[in-house]
Amino acid sequence: MAKKPPLSLVSPGISGEIEAIDAPPRPLGPHGQRLWAQVQSEYAIGDIGGREILCQACELLERVSRLREEIDRDGEIIRTKSGPRVHPGINQETHLRTAIGKMLERLGLNLEPVKPHGGQSRAIGSTGGR
């Protein structure tokens, strides 16, 4: 028997075309694509506004990755005519990472369900014999 390919969810596009629900609205590089896939696998963001915010965060992550490569190549401290100074990309990297965090926070992705901290579970309202 021939093995059937895996199924994927699709939704009708604006122009009547079929597009994958989990595909970003624009092409992303490897770092952005990985973030997109991780977020979508856990949260399945389907609304247009949320998908756009997530895509922008993924695009910024791509820029952060390029900046990080430049900083790693040049060094965190660069030599100039007026002496050593911090690589200007570090400031940009910090601002972009902050922006990514704020975008993910806007999507509500910074909240995790409260997990029990071990020990014996008890029924709601139980005082544990006290």
N, C-alpha and C. Protein backbone atom coordinates (compact mmCIF):
# COMPACT_ATOMS: atom_id res chain seq x y z
N MET A 1 0.82 -1.19 0.00
CA MET A 1 0.00 0.00 0.00
C MET A 1 0.87 1.25 0.00
N ALA A 2 0.45 2.26 -0.74
CA ALA A 2 1.18 3.54 -0.77
C ALA A 2 0.81 4.35 0.46
N LYS A 3 1.81 4.97 1.04
CA LYS A 3 1.58 5.80 2.23
C LYS A 3 1.02 7.15 1.80
N LYS A 4 -0.05 7.59 2.46
CA LYS A 4 -0.67 8.86 2.14
C LYS A 4 0.13 10.00 2.76
N PRO A 5 0.24 11.16 2.07
CA PRO A 5 0.95 12.30 2.65
C PRO A 5 0.17 12.84 3.84
N PRO A 6 0.86 13.49 4.82
CA PRO A 6 0.16 14.04 5.97
C PRO A 6 -0.78 15.16 5.54
N LEU A 7 -1.87 15.30 6.27
CA LEU A 7 -2.85 16.35 5.98
C LEU A 7 -2.47 17.62 6.71
N SER A 8 -2.85 18.77 6.16
CA SER A 8 -2.64 20.04 6.85
C SER A 8 -3.91 20.86 6.74
N LEU A 9 -4.16 21.69 7.76
CA LEU A 9 -5.34 22.56 7.76
C LEU A 9 -5.13 23.70 6.78
N VAL A 10 -6.17 24.04 6.05
CA VAL A 10 -6.11 25.16 5.13
C VAL A 10 -7.35 26.02 5.31
N SER A 11 -7.24 27.26 4.90
CA SER A 11 -8.40 28.16 4.93
C SER A 11 -8.45 28.89 3.60
N PRO A 12 -9.62 29.35 3.20
CA PRO A 12 -9.69 30.08 1.93
C PRO A 12 -8.98 31.43 2.05
N GLY A 13 -8.19 31.78 1.06
CA GLY A 13 -7.51 33.07 1.03
C GLY A 13 -8.47 34.15 0.57
N ILE A 14 -8.04 35.39 0.65
CA ILE A 14 -8.88 36.52 0.26
C ILE A 14 -9.27 36.43 -1.20
N SER A 15 -8.34 36.00 -2.05
CA SER A 15 -8.62 35.94 -3.48
C SER A 15 -9.23 34.61 -3.90
N GLY A 16 -9.66 33.80 -2.92
CA GLY A 16 -10.26 32.52 -3.24
C GLY A 16 -9.24 31.40 -3.30
N GLU A 17 -7.94 31.73 -3.19
CA GLU A 17 -6.92 30.70 -3.19
C GLU A 17 -6.91 30.02 -1.84
N ILE A 18 -6.30 28.87 -1.79
CA ILE A 18 -6.15 28.15 -0.53
C ILE A 18 -4.74 28.39 -0.01
N GLU A 19 -4.65 28.79 1.27
CA GLU A 19 -3.34 28.99 1.86
C GLU A 19 -3.26 28.22 3.17
N ALA A 20 -2.09 27.79 3.53
CA ALA A 20 -1.93 27.06 4.78
C ALA A 20 -2.12 28.01 5.94
N ILE A 21 -2.86 27.56 6.95
CA ILE A 21 -3.12 28.39 8.12
C ILE A 21 -1.83 28.71 8.85
N ASP A 22 -0.91 27.77 8.90
CA ASP A 22 0.29 27.99 9.68
C ASP A 22 1.42 28.67 8.91
N ALA A 23 1.19 29.08 7.67
CA ALA A 23 2.23 29.76 6.89
C ALA A 23 2.25 31.25 7.22
N PRO A 24 3.45 31.83 7.40
CA PRO A 24 3.52 33.27 7.66
C PRO A 24 3.08 34.07 6.44
N PRO A 25 2.62 35.31 6.65
CA PRO A 25 2.15 36.12 5.52
C PRO A 25 3.26 36.55 4.56
N ARG A 26 4.51 36.53 5.03
CA ARG A 26 5.66 36.87 4.19
C ARG A 26 6.77 35.85 4.43
N PRO A 27 7.66 35.69 3.46
CA PRO A 27 8.77 34.75 3.66
C PRO A 27 9.67 35.19 4.83
N LEU A 28 10.13 34.22 5.59
CA LEU A 28 11.02 34.49 6.72
C LEU A 28 12.29 33.68 6.57
N GLY A 29 13.35 34.16 7.21
CA GLY A 29 14.60 33.42 7.26
C GLY A 29 14.50 32.30 8.29
N PRO A 30 15.57 31.56 8.50
CA PRO A 30 15.51 30.38 9.38
C PRO A 30 15.16 30.69 10.84
N HIS A 31 15.68 31.79 11.39
CA HIS A 31 15.39 32.11 12.79
C HIS A 31 13.94 32.54 12.95
N GLY A 32 13.47 33.40 12.06
CA GLY A 32 12.08 33.85 12.10
C GLY A 32 11.12 32.71 11.84
N GLN A 33 11.45 31.84 10.90
CA GLN A 33 10.59 30.70 10.58
C GLN A 33 10.49 29.75 11.78
N ARG A 34 11.60 29.56 12.50
CA ARG A 34 11.59 28.68 13.68
C ARG A 34 10.68 29.28 14.76
N LEU A 35 10.80 30.61 15.01
CA LEU A 35 9.93 31.24 16.01
C LEU A 35 8.47 31.13 15.59
N TRP A 36 8.19 31.39 14.31
CA TRP A 36 6.82 31.29 13.80
C TRP A 36 6.27 29.90 14.05
N ALA A 37 7.03 28.88 13.70
CA ALA A 37 6.56 27.50 13.84
C ALA A 37 6.35 27.13 15.31
N GLN A 38 7.26 27.56 16.18
CA GLN A 38 7.12 27.25 17.61
C GLN A 38 5.88 27.91 18.20
N VAL A 39 5.67 29.18 17.89
CA VAL A 39 4.51 29.89 18.42
C VAL A 39 3.23 29.29 17.86
N GLN A 40 3.19 29.04 16.57
CA GLN A 40 1.97 28.51 15.96
C GLN A 40 1.66 27.10 16.46
N SER A 41 2.70 26.30 16.74
CA SER A 41 2.44 24.94 17.23
C SER A 41 1.84 24.96 18.63
N GLU A 42 2.17 25.98 19.42
CA GLU A 42 1.65 26.06 20.78
C GLU A 42 0.37 26.88 20.89
N TYR A 43 0.23 27.94 20.07
CA TYR A 43 -0.88 28.87 20.25
C TYR A 43 -1.83 28.96 19.06
N ALA A 44 -1.43 28.52 17.88
CA ALA A 44 -2.28 28.54 16.68
C ALA A 44 -2.98 29.88 16.49
N ILE A 45 -2.19 30.92 16.34
CA ILE A 45 -2.74 32.27 16.15
C ILE A 45 -3.35 32.35 14.76
N GLY A 46 -4.65 32.64 14.70
CA GLY A 46 -5.35 32.63 13.42
C GLY A 46 -5.87 33.98 12.98
N ASP A 47 -5.99 34.95 13.91
CA ASP A 47 -6.54 36.24 13.51
C ASP A 47 -5.48 37.05 12.76
N ILE A 48 -5.91 37.88 11.85
CA ILE A 48 -5.01 38.62 10.97
C ILE A 48 -4.09 39.55 11.75
N GLY A 49 -4.62 40.21 12.76
CA GLY A 49 -3.80 41.13 13.56
C GLY A 49 -2.71 40.39 14.32
N GLY A 50 -3.08 39.29 14.94
CA GLY A 50 -2.11 38.50 15.68
C GLY A 50 -1.05 37.91 14.78
N ARG A 51 -1.47 37.42 13.61
CA ARG A 51 -0.51 36.85 12.65
C ARG A 51 0.46 37.92 12.16
N GLU A 52 -0.02 39.15 11.97
CA GLU A 52 0.85 40.24 11.51
C GLU A 52 1.85 40.62 12.60
N ILE A 53 1.39 40.72 13.84
CA ILE A 53 2.31 41.03 14.94
C ILE A 53 3.37 39.94 15.07
N LEU A 54 2.94 38.69 14.99
CA LEU A 54 3.90 37.58 15.07
C LEU A 54 4.89 37.63 13.92
N CYS A 55 4.42 37.91 12.71
CA CYS A 55 5.31 37.97 11.56
C CYS A 55 6.33 39.10 11.73
N GLN A 56 5.88 40.25 12.22
CA GLN A 56 6.81 41.36 12.44
C GLN A 56 7.85 40.99 13.50
N ALA A 57 7.44 40.30 14.55
CA ALA A 57 8.40 39.85 15.57
C ALA A 57 9.42 38.89 14.96
N CYS A 58 8.96 38.02 14.08
CA CYS A 58 9.85 37.07 13.41
C CYS A 58 10.83 37.79 12.48
N GLU A 59 10.34 38.83 11.79
CA GLU A 59 11.22 39.62 10.93
C GLU A 59 12.28 40.34 11.75
N LEU A 60 11.88 40.88 12.90
CA LEU A 60 12.85 41.54 13.78
C LEU A 60 13.88 40.55 14.30
N LEU A 61 13.45 39.33 14.57
CA LEU A 61 14.39 38.30 15.03
C LEU A 61 15.44 38.02 13.95
N GLU A 62 15.03 38.06 12.70
CA GLU A 62 15.99 37.89 11.59
C GLU A 62 17.03 39.02 11.61
N ARG A 63 16.57 40.25 11.83
CA ARG A 63 17.48 41.39 11.89
C ARG A 63 18.42 41.26 13.09
N VAL A 64 17.90 40.83 14.22
CA VAL A 64 18.73 40.60 15.41
C VAL A 64 19.81 39.57 15.10
N SER A 65 19.44 38.53 14.39
CA SER A 65 20.41 37.48 14.05
C SER A 65 21.54 38.04 13.17
N ARG A 66 21.18 38.89 12.21
CA ARG A 66 22.20 39.49 11.35
C ARG A 66 23.10 40.43 12.16
N LEU A 67 22.50 41.22 13.05
CA LEU A 67 23.29 42.11 13.90
C LEU A 67 24.24 41.30 14.79
N ARG A 68 23.74 40.22 15.36
CA ARG A 68 24.55 39.38 16.24
C ARG A 68 25.75 38.82 15.47
N GLU A 69 25.54 38.43 14.22
CA GLU A 69 26.66 37.93 13.40
C GLU A 69 27.71 39.02 13.20
N GLU A 70 27.27 40.26 12.93
CA GLU A 70 28.21 41.37 12.77
C GLU A 70 28.96 41.66 14.06
N ILE A 71 28.26 41.65 15.18
CA ILE A 71 28.89 41.91 16.47
C ILE A 71 29.91 40.82 16.78
N ASP A 72 29.54 39.58 16.53
CA ASP A 72 30.47 38.47 16.78
C ASP A 72 31.70 38.57 15.88
N ARG A 73 31.48 38.99 14.64
CA ARG A 73 32.59 39.13 13.69
C ARG A 73 33.53 40.28 14.09
N ASP A 74 32.93 41.45 14.43
CA ASP A 74 33.72 42.64 14.73
C ASP A 74 34.22 42.70 16.16
N GLY A 75 33.53 42.03 17.06
CA GLY A 75 33.84 42.10 18.49
C GLY A 75 32.92 43.08 19.18
N GLU A 76 32.67 42.87 20.46
CA GLU A 76 31.77 43.74 21.20
C GLU A 76 32.39 45.12 21.43
N ILE A 77 33.71 45.18 21.47
CA ILE A 77 34.42 46.45 21.58
C ILE A 77 35.16 46.66 20.27
N ILE A 78 34.92 47.82 19.64
CA ILE A 78 35.61 48.11 18.38
C ILE A 78 36.61 49.23 18.61
N ARG A 79 37.65 49.23 17.82
CA ARG A 79 38.70 50.25 17.92
C ARG A 79 38.39 51.35 16.91
N THR A 80 38.38 52.58 17.39
CA THR A 80 38.15 53.73 16.51
C THR A 80 39.32 54.70 16.67
N LYS A 81 39.33 55.74 15.86
CA LYS A 81 40.38 56.76 15.95
C LYS A 81 40.42 57.40 17.34
N SER A 82 39.24 57.52 17.94
CA SER A 82 39.17 58.15 19.26
C SER A 82 39.27 57.14 20.40
N GLY A 83 39.58 55.89 20.10
CA GLY A 83 39.75 54.88 21.13
C GLY A 83 38.69 53.79 21.06
N PRO A 84 38.76 52.84 21.98
CA PRO A 84 37.79 51.74 21.96
C PRO A 84 36.39 52.21 22.36
N ARG A 85 35.39 51.57 21.76
CA ARG A 85 34.00 51.86 22.12
C ARG A 85 33.15 50.62 21.89
N VAL A 86 32.00 50.62 22.51
CA VAL A 86 31.07 49.49 22.38
C VAL A 86 30.54 49.46 20.94
N HIS A 87 30.44 48.26 20.39
CA HIS A 87 29.91 48.08 19.03
C HIS A 87 28.51 48.70 18.96
N PRO A 88 28.25 49.57 17.97
CA PRO A 88 26.93 50.22 17.87
C PRO A 88 25.78 49.23 17.64
N GLY A 89 26.10 48.06 17.13
CA GLY A 89 25.05 47.06 16.91
C GLY A 89 24.47 46.52 18.20
N ILE A 90 25.23 46.61 19.30
CA ILE A 90 24.73 46.09 20.57
C ILE A 90 23.50 46.88 21.02
N ASN A 91 23.54 48.19 20.87
CA ASN A 91 22.39 49.02 21.24
C ASN A 91 21.18 48.65 20.39
N GLN A 92 21.38 48.51 19.09
CA GLN A 92 20.28 48.14 18.20
C GLN A 92 19.74 46.75 18.55
N GLU A 93 20.63 45.81 18.81
CA GLU A 93 20.22 44.46 19.16
C GLU A 93 19.34 44.48 20.42
N THR A 94 19.75 45.25 21.41
CA THR A 94 18.99 45.35 22.66
C THR A 94 17.60 45.93 22.40
N HIS A 95 17.52 47.00 21.61
CA HIS A 95 16.22 47.61 21.30
C HIS A 95 15.32 46.64 20.53
N LEU A 96 15.89 45.92 19.58
CA LEU A 96 15.08 44.98 18.79
C LEU A 96 14.58 43.82 19.65
N ARG A 97 15.43 43.31 20.53
CA ARG A 97 15.00 42.22 21.41
C ARG A 97 13.88 42.69 22.34
N THR A 98 13.97 43.93 22.80
CA THR A 98 12.91 44.50 23.64
C THR A 98 11.61 44.60 22.84
N ALA A 99 11.71 45.06 21.60
CA ALA A 99 10.52 45.17 20.74
C ALA A 99 9.90 43.80 20.49
N ILE A 100 10.72 42.78 20.27
CA ILE A 100 10.20 41.42 20.06
C ILE A 100 9.45 40.97 21.30
N GLY A 101 10.04 41.20 22.47
CA GLY A 101 9.38 40.81 23.72
C GLY A 101 8.04 41.50 23.89
N LYS A 102 7.98 42.79 23.56
CA LYS A 102 6.72 43.53 23.68
C LYS A 102 5.67 43.00 22.71
N MET A 103 6.10 42.64 21.50
CA MET A 103 5.15 42.09 20.53
C MET A 103 4.59 40.76 21.01
N LEU A 104 5.47 39.90 21.53
CA LEU A 104 5.01 38.61 22.04
C LEU A 104 4.12 38.79 23.26
N GLU A 105 4.43 39.80 24.06
CA GLU A 105 3.59 40.12 25.22
C GLU A 105 2.21 40.59 24.76
N ARG A 106 2.17 41.42 23.71
CA ARG A 106 0.88 41.88 23.16
C ARG A 106 0.02 40.72 22.70
N LEU A 107 0.68 39.67 22.24
CA LEU A 107 -0.06 38.48 21.81
C LEU A 107 -0.47 37.60 22.99
N GLY A 108 -0.01 37.96 24.19
CA GLY A 108 -0.34 37.18 25.37
C GLY A 108 0.50 35.92 25.52
N LEU A 109 1.64 35.88 24.85
CA LEU A 109 2.47 34.67 24.87
C LEU A 109 3.41 34.62 26.07
N ASN A 110 3.39 35.66 26.89
CA ASN A 110 4.26 35.67 28.06
C ASN A 110 3.57 35.03 29.27
N LEU A 111 2.33 34.65 29.12
CA LEU A 111 1.57 34.06 30.22
C LEU A 111 1.57 32.55 30.10
N GLU A 112 1.90 31.89 31.19
CA GLU A 112 1.86 30.43 31.23
C GLU A 112 0.85 30.01 32.26
N PRO A 113 0.18 28.89 32.02
CA PRO A 113 -0.73 28.42 33.05
C PRO A 113 0.05 28.10 34.32
N VAL A 114 -0.56 28.36 35.45
CA VAL A 114 0.09 28.06 36.72
C VAL A 114 0.18 26.55 36.87
N LYS A 115 1.37 26.07 37.21
CA LYS A 115 1.59 24.64 37.36
C LYS A 115 1.72 24.31 38.84
N PRO A 116 1.25 23.15 39.26
CA PRO A 116 1.39 22.77 40.66
C PRO A 116 2.87 22.61 41.01
N HIS A 117 3.20 22.88 42.26
CA HIS A 117 4.59 22.82 42.71
C HIS A 117 4.91 21.51 43.42
N GLY A 118 4.34 20.42 43.01
CA GLY A 118 4.65 19.13 43.62
C GLY A 118 3.87 18.91 44.90
N GLY A 119 4.22 17.87 45.62
CA GLY A 119 3.52 17.55 46.86
C GLY A 119 2.23 16.82 46.58
N GLN A 120 1.49 16.55 47.61
CA GLN A 120 0.22 15.83 47.51
C GLN A 120 -0.86 16.75 46.97
N SER A 121 -1.63 16.27 46.02
CA SER A 121 -2.76 17.07 45.55
C SER A 121 -3.92 16.85 46.50
N ARG A 122 -4.76 17.87 46.66
CA ARG A 122 -5.92 17.73 47.51
C ARG A 122 -7.14 18.29 46.80
N ALA A 123 -8.26 17.88 47.26
CA ALA A 123 -9.51 18.34 46.67
C ALA A 123 -9.69 19.81 46.98
N ILE A 124 -10.38 20.52 46.10
CA ILE A 124 -10.65 21.94 46.32
C ILE A 124 -11.48 22.08 47.59
N GLY A 125 -11.07 23.00 48.45
CA GLY A 125 -11.80 23.22 49.69
C GLY A 125 -11.30 22.35 50.84
N SER A 126 -10.45 21.39 50.52
CA SER A 126 -9.91 20.52 51.56
C SER A 126 -8.85 21.25 52.36
N THR A 127 -8.82 21.02 53.64
CA THR A 127 -7.80 21.64 54.48
C THR A 127 -6.67 20.69 54.78
N GLY A 128 -6.71 19.51 54.17
CA GLY A 128 -5.62 18.56 54.36
C GLY A 128 -5.60 17.98 55.76
N GLY A 129 -6.78 17.91 56.41
CA GLY A 129 -6.85 17.30 57.72
C GLY A 129 -6.50 18.24 58.83
N ARG A 130 -6.42 19.50 58.55
CA ARG A 130 -6.08 20.48 59.59
C ARG A 130 -7.29 21.10 60.17
